[in-house]
């Protein structure tokens, strides 16, 4: 199955991303002054715009070939996720292929963001209600992907993207982003030798209500 390559992005998008995150004053004094400053609000807003567009674009790209969860997977995930979510989510196993990096990654790295999420090496990537698996699906990768699907469901794509980008641009490490940290923590809980049943949706709702994202 062909991938949506970098060329699918609007021709002006990489340039705009670079311009929005880069320095506008080319004098040495200005460059030195901005090295340690946190990203400006307009820079964060631009990044949120591009990440949100990427998520929707990839969701629409994969959805036509995505499949519903099998009854077996619904049964194993049922103690943790609502039946409505499990009925709605679709999956894609790439089998010998991998998700390609977003078109704006090269420009972001050039601006000092060196720890971008390595989508090509992840077990799964969630695009709203479509979970795409690099190589093959495992219960671990399915659970992790479904946690993100719940987060999208509860927060909506705009709030999810805003929270993720703001936290990442401050820390420059996606593992420290609360949304990602929660997905790893709940997956570890699911993988315990004697796991307890729990509602992922309740966990996400609680964190959203407490402002933990």
C-alpha atoms as a PDB file:
ATOM      1  CA  UNK A   1       0.000   0.000   0.000  1.00  0.00           C
ATOM      2  CA  UNK A   2       1.519   3.364  -1.001  1.00  0.00           C
ATOM      3  CA  UNK A   3       2.216   5.956   1.647  1.00  0.00           C
ATOM      4  CA  UNK A   4       1.201   9.581   1.799  1.00  0.00           C
ATOM      5  CA  UNK A   5       4.612  11.060   1.131  1.00  0.00           C
ATOM      6  CA  UNK A   6       5.993  14.456   2.136  1.00  0.00           C
ATOM      7  CA  UNK A   7       4.994  15.865  -1.243  1.00  0.00           C
ATOM      8  CA  UNK A   8       1.334  15.559  -0.242  1.00  0.00           C
ATOM      9  CA  UNK A   9       1.743  18.588   2.038  1.00  0.00           C
ATOM     10  CA  UNK A  10       0.900  22.012   0.601  1.00  0.00           C
ATOM     11  CA  UNK A  11       4.020  23.308  -1.242  1.00  0.00           C
ATOM     12  CA  UNK A  12       4.238  26.362   1.017  1.00  0.00           C
ATOM     13  CA  UNK A  13       3.758  24.462   4.287  1.00  0.00           C
ATOM     14  CA  UNK A  14       7.388  23.518   5.090  1.00  0.00           C
ATOM     15  CA  UNK A  15       8.499  27.077   4.344  1.00  0.00           C
ATOM     16  CA  UNK A  16       5.750  28.527   6.549  1.00  0.00           C
ATOM     17  CA  UNK A  17       6.572  26.102   9.360  1.00  0.00           C
ATOM     18  CA  UNK A  18      10.225  27.132   9.221  1.00  0.00           C
ATOM     19  CA  UNK A  19       9.380  30.814   9.084  1.00  0.00           C
ATOM     20  CA  UNK A  20       6.946  30.585  11.973  1.00  0.00           C
ATOM     21  CA  UNK A  21       9.343  28.753  14.286  1.00  0.00           C
ATOM     22  CA  UNK A  22      12.560  30.379  13.118  1.00  0.00           C
ATOM     23  CA  UNK A  23      14.041  33.774  13.967  1.00  0.00           C
ATOM     24  CA  UNK A  24      12.882  36.708  11.912  1.00  0.00           C
ATOM     25  CA  UNK A  25      15.709  39.079  12.776  1.00  0.00           C
ATOM     26  CA  UNK A  26      18.909  37.838  11.126  1.00  0.00           C
ATOM     27  CA  UNK A  27      21.302  39.943  13.184  1.00  0.00           C
ATOM     28  CA  UNK A  28      23.766  38.006  15.387  1.00  0.00           C
ATOM     29  CA  UNK A  29      22.498  39.851  18.472  1.00  0.00           C
ATOM     30  CA  UNK A  30      18.912  38.790  17.831  1.00  0.00           C
ATOM     31  CA  UNK A  31      19.913  35.172  17.191  1.00  0.00           C
ATOM     32  CA  UNK A  32      21.863  35.023  20.441  1.00  0.00           C
ATOM     33  CA  UNK A  33      19.002  36.580  22.374  1.00  0.00           C
ATOM     34  CA  UNK A  34      16.427  34.063  21.143  1.00  0.00           C
ATOM     35  CA  UNK A  35      18.401  30.857  21.731  1.00  0.00           C
ATOM     36  CA  UNK A  36      17.138  30.303  25.280  1.00  0.00           C
ATOM     37  CA  UNK A  37      13.660  31.808  24.883  1.00  0.00           C
ATOM     38  CA  UNK A  38      10.674  29.467  24.952  1.00  0.00           C
ATOM     39  CA  UNK A  39       8.640  29.251  21.732  1.00  0.00           C
ATOM     40  CA  UNK A  40       6.445  32.299  21.175  1.00  0.00           C
ATOM     41  CA  UNK A  41       2.665  31.903  21.258  1.00  0.00           C
ATOM     42  CA  UNK A  42       2.355  32.420  17.512  1.00  0.00           C
ATOM     43  CA  UNK A  43       4.985  29.720  16.948  1.00  0.00           C
ATOM     44  CA  UNK A  44       3.060  27.273  19.115  1.00  0.00           C
ATOM     45  CA  UNK A  45      -0.193  28.147  17.340  1.00  0.00           C
ATOM     46  CA  UNK A  46       1.400  27.464  13.955  1.00  0.00           C
ATOM     47  CA  UNK A  47       2.733  24.092  15.126  1.00  0.00           C
ATOM     48  CA  UNK A  48      -0.701  23.157  16.497  1.00  0.00           C
ATOM     49  CA  UNK A  49      -2.227  24.009  13.132  1.00  0.00           C
ATOM     50  CA  UNK A  50       0.165  21.752  11.225  1.00  0.00           C
ATOM     51  CA  UNK A  51      -0.041  18.814  13.622  1.00  0.00           C
ATOM     52  CA  UNK A  52      -3.840  18.949  13.644  1.00  0.00           C
ATOM     53  CA  UNK A  53      -3.936  19.043   9.849  1.00  0.00           C
ATOM     54  CA  UNK A  54      -1.520  16.102   9.682  1.00  0.00           C
ATOM     55  CA  UNK A  55      -3.635  13.980  12.037  1.00  0.00           C
ATOM     56  CA  UNK A  56      -6.812  14.585  10.043  1.00  0.00           C
ATOM     57  CA  UNK A  57      -5.034  14.058   6.734  1.00  0.00           C
ATOM     58  CA  UNK A  58      -3.589  10.718   7.786  1.00  0.00           C
ATOM     59  CA  UNK A  59      -6.875   9.591   9.302  1.00  0.00           C
ATOM     60  CA  UNK A  60      -8.655  10.255   6.020  1.00  0.00           C
ATOM     61  CA  UNK A  61      -5.854   8.534   4.105  1.00  0.00           C
ATOM     62  CA  UNK A  62      -5.941   5.280   6.067  1.00  0.00           C
ATOM     63  CA  UNK A  63      -9.655   5.041   6.880  1.00  0.00           C
ATOM     64  CA  UNK A  64     -10.781   3.607   3.504  1.00  0.00           C
ATOM     65  CA  UNK A  65      -8.510   0.544   3.952  1.00  0.00           C
ATOM     66  CA  UNK A  66      -8.947   0.197   7.727  1.00  0.00           C
ATOM     67  CA  UNK A  67     -10.762  -2.770   9.248  1.00  0.00           C
ATOM     68  CA  UNK A  68     -12.930  -3.119  12.366  1.00  0.00           C
ATOM     69  CA  UNK A  69     -11.556  -4.889  15.415  1.00  0.00           C
ATOM     70  CA  UNK A  70     -12.062  -8.633  15.494  1.00  0.00           C
ATOM     71  CA  UNK A  71     -14.392 -10.182  18.069  1.00  0.00           C
ATOM     72  CA  UNK A  72     -11.318 -11.615  19.796  1.00  0.00           C
ATOM     73  CA  UNK A  73      -9.720  -8.203  20.177  1.00  0.00           C
ATOM     74  CA  UNK A  74     -12.996  -6.694  21.348  1.00  0.00           C
ATOM     75  CA  UNK A  75     -13.226  -9.386  24.006  1.00  0.00           C
ATOM     76  CA  UNK A  76      -9.679  -8.824  25.286  1.00  0.00           C
ATOM     77  CA  UNK A  77     -10.048  -5.029  25.298  1.00  0.00           C
ATOM     78  CA  UNK A  78     -13.617  -5.026  26.617  1.00  0.00           C
ATOM     79  CA  UNK A  79     -12.740  -4.765  30.331  1.00  0.00           C
ATOM     80  CA  UNK A  80     -10.914  -1.482  29.645  1.00  0.00           C
ATOM     81  CA  UNK A  81     -12.727   0.272  26.799  1.00  0.00           C
ATOM     82  CA  UNK A  82     -16.375   0.954  26.013  1.00  0.00           C
ATOM     83  CA  UNK A  83     -18.164  -1.209  23.457  1.00  0.00           C
ATOM     84  CA  UNK A  84     -19.021   1.944  21.500  1.00  0.00           C
ATOM     85  CA  UNK A  85     -15.353   2.872  21.109  1.00  0.00           C
ATOM     86  CA  UNK A  86     -14.321  -0.666  20.152  1.00  0.00           C
ATOM     87  CA  UNK A  87     -17.058  -0.746  17.512  1.00  0.00           C
ATOM     88  CA  UNK A  88     -15.995   2.595  16.068  1.00  0.00           C
ATOM     89  CA  UNK A  89     -12.196   2.306  15.989  1.00  0.00           C
ATOM     90  CA  UNK A  90     -10.598   0.940  12.825  1.00  0.00           C
ATOM     91  CA  UNK A  91      -7.150  -0.625  12.426  1.00  0.00           C
ATOM     92  CA  UNK A  92      -4.521  -0.944   9.694  1.00  0.00           C
ATOM     93  CA  UNK A  93      -1.610  -3.426   9.783  1.00  0.00           C
ATOM     94  CA  UNK A  94       1.054  -2.250   7.356  1.00  0.00           C
ATOM     95  CA  UNK A  95       2.913  -5.595   7.091  1.00  0.00           C
ATOM     96  CA  UNK A  96       6.378  -4.822   5.754  1.00  0.00           C
ATOM     97  CA  UNK A  97       5.810  -1.071   5.607  1.00  0.00           C
ATOM     98  CA  UNK A  98       5.937   1.684   8.178  1.00  0.00           C
ATOM     99  CA  UNK A  99       4.341   5.032   8.834  1.00  0.00           C
ATOM    100  CA  UNK A 100       6.424   7.765   7.238  1.00  0.00           C
ATOM    101  CA  UNK A 101       7.566  10.824   9.175  1.00  0.00           C
ATOM    102  CA  UNK A 102       5.423  13.976   8.860  1.00  0.00           C
ATOM    103  CA  UNK A 103       6.488  16.398   6.157  1.00  0.00           C
ATOM    104  CA  UNK A 104       7.430  19.128   8.657  1.00  0.00           C
ATOM    105  CA  UNK A 105       9.916  17.042  10.697  1.00  0.00           C
ATOM    106  CA  UNK A 106      13.032  18.090   8.752  1.00  0.00           C
ATOM    107  CA  UNK A 107      12.304  21.766   9.331  1.00  0.00           C
ATOM    108  CA  UNK A 108      11.507  21.183  13.019  1.00  0.00           C
ATOM    109  CA  UNK A 109      14.802  19.347  13.555  1.00  0.00           C
ATOM    110  CA  UNK A 110      16.685  22.168  11.883  1.00  0.00           C
ATOM    111  CA  UNK A 111      15.222  24.479  14.512  1.00  0.00           C
ATOM    112  CA  UNK A 112      16.488  22.371  17.418  1.00  0.00           C
ATOM    113  CA  UNK A 113      13.631  19.940  18.056  1.00  0.00           C
ATOM    114  CA  UNK A 114      15.752  16.766  18.079  1.00  0.00           C
ATOM    115  CA  UNK A 115      13.462  14.396  20.015  1.00  0.00           C
ATOM    116  CA  UNK A 116      10.424  14.344  17.761  1.00  0.00           C
ATOM    117  CA  UNK A 117       8.213  11.251  18.071  1.00  0.00           C
ATOM    118  CA  UNK A 118       9.811   8.572  15.876  1.00  0.00           C
ATOM    119  CA  UNK A 119       6.624   7.379  14.196  1.00  0.00           C
ATOM    120  CA  UNK A 120       8.518   4.996  11.924  1.00  0.00           C
ATOM    121  CA  UNK A 121       9.799   3.060  14.948  1.00  0.00           C
ATOM    122  CA  UNK A 122       6.627   3.089  17.040  1.00  0.00           C
ATOM    123  CA  UNK A 123       4.488  -0.029  17.368  1.00  0.00           C
ATOM    124  CA  UNK A 124       1.340   1.931  16.578  1.00  0.00           C
ATOM    125  CA  UNK A 125       0.224   5.426  15.668  1.00  0.00           C
ATOM    126  CA  UNK A 126      -3.306   6.660  16.374  1.00  0.00           C
ATOM    127  CA  UNK A 127      -4.966   9.002  13.916  1.00  0.00           C
ATOM    128  CA  UNK A 128      -8.154   9.951  15.785  1.00  0.00           C
ATOM    129  CA  UNK A 129     -10.240   6.762  15.407  1.00  0.00           C
ATOM    130  CA  UNK A 130      -7.809   4.836  13.186  1.00  0.00           C
ATOM    131  CA  UNK A 131      -4.879   2.953  14.750  1.00  0.00           C
ATOM    132  CA  UNK A 132      -2.090   2.140  12.299  1.00  0.00           C
ATOM    133  CA  UNK A 133       0.394  -0.595  13.201  1.00  0.00           C
ATOM    134  CA  UNK A 134       3.946  -0.721  11.925  1.00  0.00           C
ATOM    135  CA  UNK A 135       4.458  -4.355  10.841  1.00  0.00           C
ATOM    136  CA  UNK A 136       1.837  -6.146  12.944  1.00  0.00           C
ATOM    137  CA  UNK A 137      -0.712  -5.740  15.709  1.00  0.00           C
ATOM    138  CA  UNK A 138       0.011  -6.953  19.242  1.00  0.00           C
ATOM    139  CA  UNK A 139      -2.209  -6.639  22.303  1.00  0.00           C
ATOM    140  CA  UNK A 140       0.286  -4.230  23.823  1.00  0.00           C
ATOM    141  CA  UNK A 141       0.336  -1.954  20.786  1.00  0.00           C
ATOM    142  CA  UNK A 142      -3.441  -2.198  20.388  1.00  0.00           C
ATOM    143  CA  UNK A 143      -4.054  -1.171  23.995  1.00  0.00           C
ATOM    144  CA  UNK A 144      -1.655   1.766  23.715  1.00  0.00           C
ATOM    145  CA  UNK A 145      -3.270   2.915  20.477  1.00  0.00           C
ATOM    146  CA  UNK A 146      -6.754   2.661  21.975  1.00  0.00           C
ATOM    147  CA  UNK A 147      -5.750   4.829  24.939  1.00  0.00           C
ATOM    148  CA  UNK A 148      -4.932   7.600  22.479  1.00  0.00           C
ATOM    149  CA  UNK A 149      -8.253   6.991  20.695  1.00  0.00           C
ATOM    150  CA  UNK A 150     -10.024   7.579  24.021  1.00  0.00           C
ATOM    151  CA  UNK A 151      -7.991  10.750  24.585  1.00  0.00           C
ATOM    152  CA  UNK A 152      -9.056  12.035  21.166  1.00  0.00           C
ATOM    153  CA  UNK A 153     -12.650  11.092  21.994  1.00  0.00           C
ATOM    154  CA  UNK A 154     -12.687  12.916  25.331  1.00  0.00           C
ATOM    155  CA  UNK A 155     -10.646  15.977  24.412  1.00  0.00           C
ATOM    156  CA  UNK A 156     -11.441  16.342  20.716  1.00  0.00           C
ATOM    157  CA  UNK A 157      -8.710  16.700  18.129  1.00  0.00           C
ATOM    158  CA  UNK A 158      -8.240  20.433  18.728  1.00  0.00           C
ATOM    159  CA  UNK A 159      -7.707  20.206  22.492  1.00  0.00           C
ATOM    160  CA  UNK A 160      -5.629  17.025  22.169  1.00  0.00           C
ATOM    161  CA  UNK A 161      -3.329  18.626  19.616  1.00  0.00           C
ATOM    162  CA  UNK A 162      -3.073  21.850  21.611  1.00  0.00           C
ATOM    163  CA  UNK A 163      -2.131  20.038  24.810  1.00  0.00           C
ATOM    164  CA  UNK A 164       0.356  17.738  23.100  1.00  0.00           C
ATOM    165  CA  UNK A 165       2.129  20.440  21.111  1.00  0.00           C
ATOM    166  CA  UNK A 166       2.332  22.928  23.975  1.00  0.00           C
ATOM    167  CA  UNK A 167       3.880  20.391  26.320  1.00  0.00           C
ATOM    168  CA  UNK A 168       6.255  19.013  23.691  1.00  0.00           C
ATOM    169  CA  UNK A 169       7.517  22.407  22.594  1.00  0.00           C
ATOM    170  CA  UNK A 170       8.322  23.263  26.200  1.00  0.00           C
ATOM    171  CA  UNK A 171      10.105  20.015  27.096  1.00  0.00           C
ATOM    172  CA  UNK A 172      11.281  18.916  23.611  1.00  0.00           C
ATOM    173  CA  UNK A 173      10.634  15.278  24.565  1.00  0.00           C
ATOM    174  CA  UNK A 174       7.375  13.534  23.721  1.00  0.00           C
ATOM    175  CA  UNK A 175       7.824  10.926  26.484  1.00  0.00           C
ATOM    176  CA  UNK A 176       7.288  13.678  29.063  1.00  0.00           C
ATOM    177  CA  UNK A 177       4.055  14.883  27.461  1.00  0.00           C
ATOM    178  CA  UNK A 178       1.252  13.892  29.902  1.00  0.00           C
ATOM    179  CA  UNK A 179      -0.934  12.420  27.148  1.00  0.00           C
ATOM    180  CA  UNK A 180       1.864  10.087  26.071  1.00  0.00           C
ATOM    181  CA  UNK A 181       2.996   9.328  29.618  1.00  0.00           C
ATOM    182  CA  UNK A 182      -0.550   8.282  30.508  1.00  0.00           C
ATOM    183  CA  UNK A 183      -0.748   5.917  27.525  1.00  0.00           C
ATOM    184  CA  UNK A 184       2.482   4.211  28.600  1.00  0.00           C
ATOM    185  CA  UNK A 185       1.406   4.048  32.254  1.00  0.00           C
ATOM    186  CA  UNK A 186      -1.995   2.513  31.499  1.00  0.00           C
ATOM    187  CA  UNK A 187      -0.430   0.038  29.060  1.00  0.00           C
ATOM    188  CA  UNK A 188       2.009  -1.067  31.767  1.00  0.00           C
ATOM    189  CA  UNK A 189      -0.930  -1.531  34.131  1.00  0.00           C
ATOM    190  CA  UNK A 190      -2.699  -3.630  31.489  1.00  0.00           C
ATOM    191  CA  UNK A 191       0.404  -5.818  31.057  1.00  0.00           C
ATOM    192  CA  UNK A 192       0.776  -6.731  34.733  1.00  0.00           C
ATOM    193  CA  UNK A 193       0.834 -10.494  35.451  1.00  0.00           C
ATOM    194  CA  UNK A 194      -2.437 -10.168  37.358  1.00  0.00           C
ATOM    195  CA  UNK A 195      -4.111  -7.142  35.780  1.00  0.00           C
ATOM    196  CA  UNK A 196      -7.188  -5.523  37.263  1.00  0.00           C
ATOM    197  CA  UNK A 197     -10.070  -4.324  35.162  1.00  0.00           C
ATOM    198  CA  UNK A 198     -10.331  -0.546  34.864  1.00  0.00           C
ATOM    199  CA  UNK A 199     -11.962   2.006  32.618  1.00  0.00           C
ATOM    200  CA  UNK A 200      -9.514   3.926  30.442  1.00  0.00           C
ATOM    201  CA  UNK A 201     -12.234   6.470  29.706  1.00  0.00           C
ATOM    202  CA  UNK A 202     -12.669   7.161  33.444  1.00  0.00           C
ATOM    203  CA  UNK A 203      -8.920   7.675  33.785  1.00  0.00           C
ATOM    204  CA  UNK A 204      -8.823  10.098  30.872  1.00  0.00           C
ATOM    205  CA  UNK A 205     -11.912  11.993  32.045  1.00  0.00           C
ATOM    206  CA  UNK A 206     -10.406  12.374  35.510  1.00  0.00           C
ATOM    207  CA  UNK A 207      -7.114  13.726  34.170  1.00  0.00           C
ATOM    208  CA  UNK A 208      -8.948  16.140  31.862  1.00  0.00           C
ATOM    209  CA  UNK A 209     -11.158  17.390  34.717  1.00  0.00           C
ATOM    210  CA  UNK A 210      -8.142  17.851  37.004  1.00  0.00           C
ATOM    211  CA  UNK A 211      -6.206  19.752  34.339  1.00  0.00           C
ATOM    212  CA  UNK A 212      -3.386  17.198  34.307  1.00  0.00           C
ATOM    213  CA  UNK A 213      -2.904  17.410  30.545  1.00  0.00           C
END
